PDB file of N, CA and C in Angstrom:
ATOM      1  N   MET A   1    -147.356  42.820 -83.203  1.00  0.00           N
ATOM      2  CA  MET A   1    -145.672  42.624 -83.174  1.00  0.00           C
ATOM      3  C   MET A   1    -145.411  41.414 -84.452  1.00  0.00           C
ATOM      4  N   ALA A   2    -144.327  41.694 -85.093  1.00  0.00           N
ATOM      5  CA  ALA A   2    -143.595  41.008 -86.108  1.00  0.00           C
ATOM      6  C   ALA A   2    -142.778  39.746 -85.761  1.00  0.00           C
ATOM      7  N   MET A   3    -142.985  38.563 -85.951  1.00  0.00           N
ATOM      8  CA  MET A   3    -142.129  37.572 -85.431  1.00  0.00           C
ATOM      9  C   MET A   3    -140.776  37.343 -86.449  1.00  0.00           C
ATOM     10  N   LYS A   4    -139.584  37.529 -85.693  1.00  0.00           N
ATOM     11  CA  LYS A   4    -138.099  37.415 -86.472  1.00  0.00           C
ATOM     12  C   LYS A   4    -138.124  35.802 -86.459  1.00  0.00           C
ATOM     13  N   VAL A   5    -138.037  35.410 -87.516  1.00  0.00           N
ATOM     14  CA  VAL A   5    -137.371  34.182 -87.661  1.00  0.00           C
ATOM     15  C   VAL A   5    -135.914  33.780 -88.356  1.00  0.00           C
ATOM     16  N   SER A   6    -134.980  33.244 -87.929  1.00  0.00           N
ATOM     17  CA  SER A   6    -133.861  33.318 -88.476  1.00  0.00           C
ATOM     18  C   SER A   6    -133.853  32.635 -89.994  1.00  0.00           C
ATOM     19  N   ARG A   7    -132.893  32.715 -90.575  1.00  0.00           N
ATOM     20  CA  ARG A   7    -132.897  32.420 -92.042  1.00  0.00           C
ATOM     21  C   ARG A   7    -132.725  30.701 -91.810  1.00  0.00           C
ATOM     22  N   VAL A   8    -131.869  30.487 -91.103  1.00  0.00           N
ATOM     23  CA  VAL A   8    -131.494  29.097 -90.852  1.00  0.00           C
ATOM     24  C   VAL A   8    -132.466  28.134 -90.482  1.00  0.00           C
ATOM     25  N   LYS A   9    -133.344  28.782 -89.266  1.00  0.00           N
ATOM     26  CA  LYS A   9    -134.625  28.000 -88.984  1.00  0.00           C
ATOM     27  C   LYS A   9    -135.777  27.862 -90.127  1.00  0.00           C
ATOM     28  N   LEU A  10    -135.899  28.794 -91.062  1.00  0.00           N
ATOM     29  CA  LEU A  10    -136.642  29.038 -92.184  1.00  0.00           C
ATOM     30  C   LEU A  10    -136.425  28.100 -93.191  1.00  0.00           C
ATOM     31  N   ASN A  11    -135.048  27.917 -93.312  1.00  0.00           N
ATOM     32  CA  ASN A  11    -134.371  26.868 -94.379  1.00  0.00           C
ATOM     33  C   ASN A  11    -134.728  25.548 -93.948  1.00  0.00           C
ATOM     34  N   ARG A  12    -134.612  25.058 -92.738  1.00  0.00           N
ATOM     35  CA  ARG A  12    -134.837  23.894 -92.180  1.00  0.00           C
ATOM     36  C   ARG A  12    -136.076  23.405 -92.173  1.00  0.00           C
ATOM     37  N   VAL A  13    -137.130  24.484 -91.993  1.00  0.00           N
ATOM     38  CA  VAL A  13    -138.849  24.132 -92.075  1.00  0.00           C
ATOM     39  C   VAL A  13    -138.990  24.067 -93.431  1.00  0.00           C
ATOM     40  N   LEU A  14    -138.543  24.627 -94.375  1.00  0.00           N
ATOM     41  CA  LEU A  14    -138.833  24.599 -95.738  1.00  0.00           C
ATOM     42  C   LEU A  14    -138.220  23.104 -96.397  1.00  0.00           C
ATOM     43  N   ILE A  15    -136.971  22.477 -95.781  1.00  0.00           N
ATOM     44  CA  ILE A  15    -136.372  21.522 -96.026  1.00  0.00           C
ATOM     45  C   ILE A  15    -137.330  20.517 -95.466  1.00  0.00           C
ATOM     46  N   TRP A  16    -137.948  20.389 -94.626  1.00  0.00           N
ATOM     47  CA  TRP A  16    -139.069  19.310 -93.956  1.00  0.00           C
ATOM     48  C   TRP A  16    -140.269  19.288 -94.590  1.00  0.00           C
ATOM     49  N   LEU A  17    -140.617  20.782 -95.319  1.00  0.00           N
ATOM     50  CA  LEU A  17    -142.103  20.575 -95.685  1.00  0.00           C
ATOM     51  C   LEU A  17    -141.738  20.031 -97.335  1.00  0.00           C
ATOM     52  N   VAL A  18    -140.601  20.901 -97.972  1.00  0.00           N
ATOM     53  CA  VAL A  18    -140.371  20.852 -99.505  1.00  0.00           C
ATOM     54  C   VAL A  18    -140.259  19.477 -99.769  1.00  0.00           C
ATOM     55  N   VAL A  19    -138.841  18.844 -99.219  1.00  0.00           N
ATOM     56  CA  VAL A  19    -138.498  17.631 -99.758  1.00  0.00           C
ATOM     57  C   VAL A  19    -139.458  16.510 -99.584  1.00  0.00           C
ATOM     58  N   PRO A  20    -140.067  15.888 -98.583  1.00  0.00           N
ATOM     59  CA  PRO A  20    -141.233  15.143 -98.789  1.00  0.00           C
ATOM     60  C   PRO A  20    -142.164  15.329 -99.685  1.00  0.00           C
ATOM     61  N   ALA A  21    -142.419  16.523 -99.867  1.00  0.00           N
ATOM     62  CA  ALA A  21    -143.578  16.721-101.120  1.00  0.00           C
ATOM     63  C   ALA A  21    -143.209  16.392-102.227  1.00  0.00           C
ATOM     64  N   VAL A  22    -141.895  16.564-102.681  1.00  0.00           N
ATOM     65  CA  VAL A  22    -141.140  16.275-103.965  1.00  0.00           C
ATOM     66  C   VAL A  22    -141.236  14.934-104.107  1.00  0.00           C
ATOM     67  N   VAL A  23    -140.807  14.460-102.925  1.00  0.00           N
ATOM     68  CA  VAL A  23    -140.676  12.719-102.998  1.00  0.00           C
ATOM     69  C   VAL A  23    -141.918  12.220-103.508  1.00  0.00           C
ATOM     70  N   MET A  24    -142.824  12.712-102.690  1.00  0.00           N
ATOM     71  CA  MET A  24    -144.289  11.962-102.637  1.00  0.00           C
ATOM     72  C   MET A  24    -145.036  12.391-103.954  1.00  0.00           C
ATOM     73  N   GLY A  25    -144.383  13.664-104.623  1.00  0.00           N
ATOM     74  CA  GLY A  25    -145.056  14.227-105.705  1.00  0.00           C
ATOM     75  C   GLY A  25    -144.726  13.209-107.049  1.00  0.00           C
ATOM     76  N   THR A  26    -143.374  12.903-106.935  1.00  0.00           N
ATOM     77  CA  THR A  26    -142.906  12.403-108.002  1.00  0.00           C
ATOM     78  C   THR A  26    -143.389  10.786-108.204  1.00  0.00           C
ATOM     79  N   ALA A  27    -143.490  10.253-106.601  1.00  0.00           N
ATOM     80  CA  ALA A  27    -143.698   8.793-106.833  1.00  0.00           C
ATOM     81  C   ALA A  27    -145.215   8.788-106.990  1.00  0.00           C
ATOM     82  N   TRP A  28    -146.222   9.677-106.735  1.00  0.00           N
ATOM     83  CA  TRP A  28    -147.759   9.423-106.478  1.00  0.00           C
ATOM     84  C   TRP A  28    -148.168   9.095-107.841  1.00  0.00           C
ATOM     85  N   GLY A  29    -148.855   8.303-108.034  1.00  0.00           N
ATOM     86  CA  GLY A  29    -149.479   7.603-108.982  1.00  0.00           C
ATOM     87  C   GLY A  29    -148.839   6.782-110.019  1.00  0.00           C
ATOM     88  N   GLN A  30    -147.647   6.684-109.729  1.00  0.00           N
ATOM     89  CA  GLN A  30    -146.730   5.944-110.715  1.00  0.00           C
ATOM     90  C   GLN A  30    -146.819   4.320-110.191  1.00  0.00           C
ATOM     91  N   GLN A  31    -146.933   3.501-111.370  1.00  0.00           N
ATOM     92  CA  GLN A  31    -147.035   2.291-111.057  1.00  0.00           C
ATOM     93  C   GLN A  31    -145.695   1.589-111.783  1.00  0.00           C
ATOM     94  N   GLU A  32    -145.357   0.591-111.162  1.00  0.00           N
ATOM     95  CA  GLU A  32    -144.060  -0.259-111.557  1.00  0.00           C
ATOM     96  C   GLU A  32    -144.593  -0.917-112.796  1.00  0.00           C
ATOM     97  N   SER A  33    -144.131  -0.988-113.793  1.00  0.00           N
ATOM     98  CA  SER A  33    -144.503  -2.057-114.927  1.00  0.00           C
ATOM     99  C   SER A  33    -143.443  -3.249-114.928  1.00  0.00           C
ATOM    100  N   GLU A  34    -144.124  -4.296-115.104  1.00  0.00           N
ATOM    101  CA  GLU A  34    -143.418  -5.718-114.893  1.00  0.00           C
ATOM    102  C   GLU A  34    -142.583  -5.761-116.178  1.00  0.00           C
ATOM    103  N   VAL A  35    -141.070  -6.192-115.837  1.00  0.00           N
ATOM    104  CA  VAL A  35    -140.236  -6.386-116.940  1.00  0.00           C
ATOM    105  C   VAL A  35    -140.074  -7.841-117.121  1.00  0.00           C
ATOM    106  N   VAL A  36    -140.407  -8.492-118.225  1.00  0.00           N
ATOM    107  CA  VAL A  36    -140.138  -9.654-118.669  1.00  0.00           C
ATOM    108  C   VAL A  36    -138.748  -9.937-119.592  1.00  0.00           C
ATOM    109  N   LEU A  37    -137.771 -10.568-118.766  1.00  0.00           N
ATOM    110  CA  LEU A  37    -136.728 -10.844-119.667  1.00  0.00           C
ATOM    111  C   LEU A  37    -136.835 -12.017-120.437  1.00  0.00           C
ATOM    112  N   THR A  38    -136.288 -12.014-121.656  1.00  0.00           N
ATOM    113  CA  THR A  38    -136.433 -13.424-122.388  1.00  0.00           C
ATOM    114  C   THR A  38    -134.959 -13.608-122.724  1.00  0.00           C
ATOM    115  N   SER A  39    -134.834 -14.817-123.433  1.00  0.00           N
ATOM    116  CA  SER A  39    -133.557 -15.178-123.986  1.00  0.00           C
ATOM    117  C   SER A  39    -133.588 -16.461-124.723  1.00  0.00           C
ATOM    118  N   GLU A  40    -132.903 -16.494-125.620  1.00  0.00           N
ATOM    119  CA  GLU A  40    -132.769 -17.824-126.509  1.00  0.00           C
ATOM    120  C   GLU A  40    -131.556 -18.639-126.020  1.00  0.00           C
ATOM    121  N   THR A  41    -130.834 -18.337-125.184  1.00  0.00           N
ATOM    122  CA  THR A  41    -129.791 -18.835-124.525  1.00  0.00           C
ATOM    123  C   THR A  41    -130.161 -19.970-123.712  1.00  0.00           C
ATOM    124  N   ASP A  42    -129.607 -21.354-123.772  1.00  0.00           N
ATOM    125  CA  ASP A  42    -130.042 -22.458-123.183  1.00  0.00           C
ATOM    126  C   ASP A  42    -128.919 -22.363-121.746  1.00  0.00           C
ATOM    127  N   TYR A  43    -129.645 -22.090-120.946  1.00  0.00           N
ATOM    128  CA  TYR A  43    -128.816 -21.763-119.536  1.00  0.00           C
ATOM    129  C   TYR A  43    -128.383 -22.891-118.862  1.00  0.00           C
ATOM    130  N   ALA A  44    -129.119 -24.079-118.975  1.00  0.00           N
ATOM    131  CA  ALA A  44    -128.852 -25.400-118.378  1.00  0.00           C
ATOM    132  C   ALA A  44    -127.474 -25.885-118.993  1.00  0.00           C
ATOM    133  N   LYS A  45    -127.531 -25.860-120.633  1.00  0.00           N
ATOM    134  CA  LYS A  45    -126.493 -26.102-121.243  1.00  0.00           C
ATOM    135  C   LYS A  45    -124.991 -25.383-121.216  1.00  0.00           C
ATOM    136  N   VAL A  46    -125.233 -23.982-121.132  1.00  0.00           N
ATOM    137  CA  VAL A  46    -124.134 -23.119-120.715  1.00  0.00           C
ATOM    138  C   VAL A  46    -123.598 -23.855-119.124  1.00  0.00           C
ATOM    139  N   ALA A  47    -124.629 -24.024-118.250  1.00  0.00           N
ATOM    140  CA  ALA A  47    -124.034 -24.215-116.899  1.00  0.00           C
ATOM    141  C   ALA A  47    -123.198 -25.515-116.959  1.00  0.00           C
ATOM    142  N   SER A  48    -123.545 -26.546-117.881  1.00  0.00           N
ATOM    143  CA  SER A  48    -122.975 -28.140-117.929  1.00  0.00           C
ATOM    144  C   SER A  48    -121.574 -27.824-118.420  1.00  0.00           C
ATOM    145  N   LEU A  49    -121.247 -26.830-118.948  1.00  0.00           N
ATOM    146  CA  LEU A  49    -120.325 -26.455-119.854  1.00  0.00           C
ATOM    147  C   LEU A  49    -119.131 -26.221-119.081  1.00  0.00           C
ATOM    148  N   VAL A  50    -119.425 -25.572-117.528  1.00  0.00           N
ATOM    149  CA  VAL A  50    -118.595 -25.039-116.713  1.00  0.00           C
ATOM    150  C   VAL A  50    -117.975 -25.878-115.699  1.00  0.00           C
ATOM    151  N   SER A  51    -116.825 -25.774-115.737  1.00  0.00           N
ATOM    152  CA  SER A  51    -116.234 -27.028-114.818  1.00  0.00           C
ATOM    153  C   SER A  51    -115.807 -26.315-113.376  1.00  0.00           C
ATOM    154  N   VAL A  52    -116.409 -26.744-112.081  1.00  0.00           N
ATOM    155  CA  VAL A  52    -116.247 -26.163-110.879  1.00  0.00           C
ATOM    156  C   VAL A  52    -115.051 -26.282-110.430  1.00  0.00           C
ATOM    157  N   ASP A  53    -113.921 -27.211-110.592  1.00  0.00           N
ATOM    158  CA  ASP A  53    -112.496 -27.531-110.458  1.00  0.00           C
ATOM    159  C   ASP A  53    -111.786 -26.646-111.176  1.00  0.00           C
ATOM    160  N   GLU A  54    -112.051 -26.285-112.656  1.00  0.00           N
ATOM    161  CA  GLU A  54    -111.595 -25.147-113.344  1.00  0.00           C
ATOM    162  C   GLU A  54    -111.685 -23.944-112.938  1.00  0.00           C
ATOM    163  N   MET A  55    -112.888 -23.344-112.302  1.00  0.00           N
ATOM    164  CA  MET A  55    -113.349 -22.406-111.793  1.00  0.00           C
ATOM    165  C   MET A  55    -112.633 -21.871-110.582  1.00  0.00           C
ATOM    166  N   SER A  56    -112.856 -23.073-109.769  1.00  0.00           N
ATOM    167  CA  SER A  56    -111.967 -22.848-108.465  1.00  0.00           C
ATOM    168  C   SER A  56    -110.651 -22.578-108.445  1.00  0.00           C
ATOM    169  N   THR A  57    -109.895 -23.150-109.186  1.00  0.00           N
ATOM    170  CA  THR A  57    -108.534 -23.074-109.787  1.00  0.00           C
ATOM    171  C   THR A  57    -108.302 -21.603-110.295  1.00  0.00           C
ATOM    172  N   THR A  58    -108.903 -21.128-111.050  1.00  0.00           N
ATOM    173  CA  THR A  58    -108.909 -20.127-111.656  1.00  0.00           C
ATOM    174  C   THR A  58    -108.849 -18.774-110.917  1.00  0.00           C
ATOM    175  N   ILE A  59    -109.861 -18.822-109.690  1.00  0.00           N
ATOM    176  CA  ILE A  59    -110.114 -17.918-108.606  1.00  0.00           C
ATOM    177  C   ILE A  59    -109.051 -18.006-107.773  1.00  0.00           C
ATOM    178  N   SER A  60    -108.439 -19.141-107.598  1.00  0.00           N
ATOM    179  CA  SER A  60    -107.472 -19.216-106.335  1.00  0.00           C
ATOM    180  C   SER A  60    -106.150 -18.343-106.959  1.00  0.00           C
ATOM    181  N   LYS A  61    -105.871 -18.680-108.343  1.00  0.00           N
ATOM    182  CA  LYS A  61    -104.756 -18.011-109.242  1.00  0.00           C
ATOM    183  C   LYS A  61    -104.922 -16.504-109.118  1.00  0.00           C
ATOM    184  N   LEU A  62    -106.110 -15.935-109.641  1.00  0.00           N
ATOM    185  CA  LEU A  62    -106.316 -14.456-109.365  1.00  0.00           C
ATOM    186  C   LEU A  62    -106.456 -14.119-108.047  1.00  0.00           C
ATOM    187  N   ALA A  63    -106.669 -14.804-107.086  1.00  0.00           N
ATOM    188  CA  ALA A  63    -106.697 -14.171-105.616  1.00  0.00           C
ATOM    189  C   ALA A  63    -105.242 -14.097-105.184  1.00  0.00           C
ATOM    190  N   GLY A  64    -104.517 -14.877-105.979  1.00  0.00           N
ATOM    191  CA  GLY A  64    -103.062 -15.082-105.235  1.00  0.00           C
ATOM    192  C   GLY A  64    -102.048 -13.935-106.014  1.00  0.00           C
ATOM    193  N   LEU A  65    -102.745 -13.384-106.882  1.00  0.00           N
ATOM    194  CA  LEU A  65    -101.807 -12.439-107.417  1.00  0.00           C
ATOM    195  C   LEU A  65    -101.499 -10.761-106.817  1.00  0.00           C
ATOM    196  N   GLY A  66    -102.316 -10.675-105.658  1.00  0.00           N
ATOM    197  CA  GLY A  66    -102.070  -9.326-105.023  1.00  0.00           C
ATOM    198  C   GLY A  66    -103.002  -8.570-105.841  1.00  0.00           C
ATOM    199  N   SER A  67    -102.794  -6.897-105.789  1.00  0.00           N
ATOM    200  CA  SER A  67    -103.193  -6.036-106.276  1.00  0.00           C
ATOM    201  C   SER A  67    -103.397  -6.308-108.127  1.00  0.00           C
ATOM    202  N   ARG A  68    -104.845  -6.330-108.616  1.00  0.00           N
ATOM    203  CA  ARG A  68    -104.928  -6.481-109.937  1.00  0.00           C
ATOM    204  C   ARG A  68    -105.483  -4.822-110.532  1.00  0.00           C
ATOM    205  N   ILE A  69    -104.710  -4.013-109.704  1.00  0.00           N
ATOM    206  CA  ILE A  69    -105.456  -2.616-110.139  1.00  0.00           C
ATOM    207  C   ILE A  69    -104.536  -2.211-111.233  1.00  0.00           C
ATOM    208  N   PRO A  70    -104.800  -1.678-112.411  1.00  0.00           N
ATOM    209  CA  PRO A  70    -103.974  -1.672-113.659  1.00  0.00           C
ATOM    210  C   PRO A  70    -102.780  -0.651-113.231  1.00  0.00           C
ATOM    211  N   GLY A  71    -101.677  -1.193-113.671  1.00  0.00           N
ATOM    212  CA  GLY A  71    -100.387  -0.528-113.308  1.00  0.00           C
ATOM    213  C   GLY A  71     -99.553  -1.266-112.429  1.00  0.00           C
ATOM    214  N   TYR A  72    -100.477  -2.416-111.653  1.00  0.00           N
ATOM    215  CA  TYR A  72     -99.566  -2.928-110.684  1.00  0.00           C
ATOM    216  C   TYR A  72     -99.478  -4.532-111.319  1.00  0.00           C
ATOM    217  N   ALA A  73     -98.550  -5.020-110.741  1.00  0.00           N
ATOM    218  CA  ALA A  73     -97.779  -6.247-111.483  1.00  0.00           C
ATOM    219  C   ALA A  73     -98.865  -7.423-111.712  1.00  0.00           C
ATOM    220  N   GLY A  74     -99.816  -7.583-110.809  1.00  0.00           N
ATOM    221  CA  GLY A  74    -101.085  -8.576-110.889  1.00  0.00           C
ATOM    222  C   GLY A  74    -101.848  -8.124-111.830  1.00  0.00           C
ATOM    223  N   SER A  75    -102.334  -6.894-112.498  1.00  0.00           N
ATOM    224  CA  SER A  75    -103.015  -6.678-113.462  1.00  0.00           C
ATOM    225  C   SER A  75    -102.609  -7.394-114.962  1.00  0.00           C
ATOM    226  N   GLN A  76    -101.342  -7.317-115.071  1.00  0.00           N
ATOM    227  CA  GLN A  76    -100.765  -7.769-116.471  1.00  0.00           C
ATOM    228  C   GLN A  76    -101.073  -9.492-116.455  1.00  0.00           C
ATOM    229  N   GLN A  77    -100.773  -9.833-115.146  1.00  0.00           N
ATOM    230  CA  GLN A  77    -100.864 -11.341-115.024  1.00  0.00           C
ATOM    231  C   GLN A  77    -102.130 -12.049-114.900  1.00  0.00           C
ATOM    232  N   ALA A  78    -103.462 -11.205-114.535  1.00  0.00           N
ATOM    233  CA  ALA A  78    -104.298 -11.596-114.175  1.00  0.00           C
ATOM    234  C   ALA A  78    -105.180 -11.385-115.641  1.00  0.00           C
ATOM    235  N   ALA A  79    -104.566 -10.375-116.163  1.00  0.00           N
ATOM    236  CA  ALA A  79    -105.199 -10.286-117.915  1.00  0.00           C
ATOM    237  C   ALA A  79    -104.609 -11.600-118.873  1.00  0.00           C
ATOM    238  N   GLU A  80    -103.425 -12.254-118.252  1.00  0.00           N
ATOM    239  CA  GLU A  80    -102.868 -13.262-119.034  1.00  0.00           C
ATOM    240  C   GLU A  80    -103.741 -14.589-118.967  1.00  0.00           C
ATOM    241  N   ILE A  81    -104.010 -14.618-117.426  1.00  0.00           N
ATOM    242  CA  ILE A  81    -104.905 -15.670-117.197  1.00  0.00           C
ATOM    243  C   ILE A  81    -106.025 -15.702-117.869  1.00  0.00           C
ATOM    244  N   VAL A  82    -107.051 -14.676-117.566  1.00  0.00           N
ATOM    245  CA  VAL A  82    -108.199 -14.681-118.444  1.00  0.00           C
ATOM    246  C   VAL A  82    -108.054 -14.910-119.924  1.00  0.00           C
ATOM    247  N   GLU A  83    -107.153 -14.307-120.378  1.00  0.00           N
ATOM    248  CA  GLU A  83    -107.046 -14.326-121.911  1.00  0.00           C
ATOM    249  C   GLU A  83    -106.734 -16.095-122.196  1.00  0.00           C
ATOM    250  N   GLU A  84    -106.460 -16.691-121.634  1.00  0.00           N
ATOM    251  CA  GLU A  84    -105.809 -18.105-121.598  1.00  0.00           C
ATOM    252  C   GLU A  84    -107.240 -18.708-121.584  1.00  0.00           C
ATOM    253  N   ARG A  85    -108.046 -18.578-120.701  1.00  0.00           N
ATOM    254  CA  ARG A  85    -109.410 -19.162-120.577  1.00  0.00           C
ATOM    255  C   ARG A  85    -109.961 -18.852-121.808  1.00  0.00           C
TER     256      ARG A  85
END
């Protein structure tokens, strides 16, 4: 006697079998390589040039402009504030 399997059930079974196999197959045997970032920038010097008070003032100004999405009034004002800095 032949067993009738609906197409939907067959697709579900295939998804449960194929997807994990594909995911495992692509990750199997791969090793993460270590990435070492280097820079000649003296970050301590850069950080010393930043004023916490000025940064706080700028953030408050930008936050007070309302929407800064292009086309809204706040976007032009935000651009001018950033340009001044």
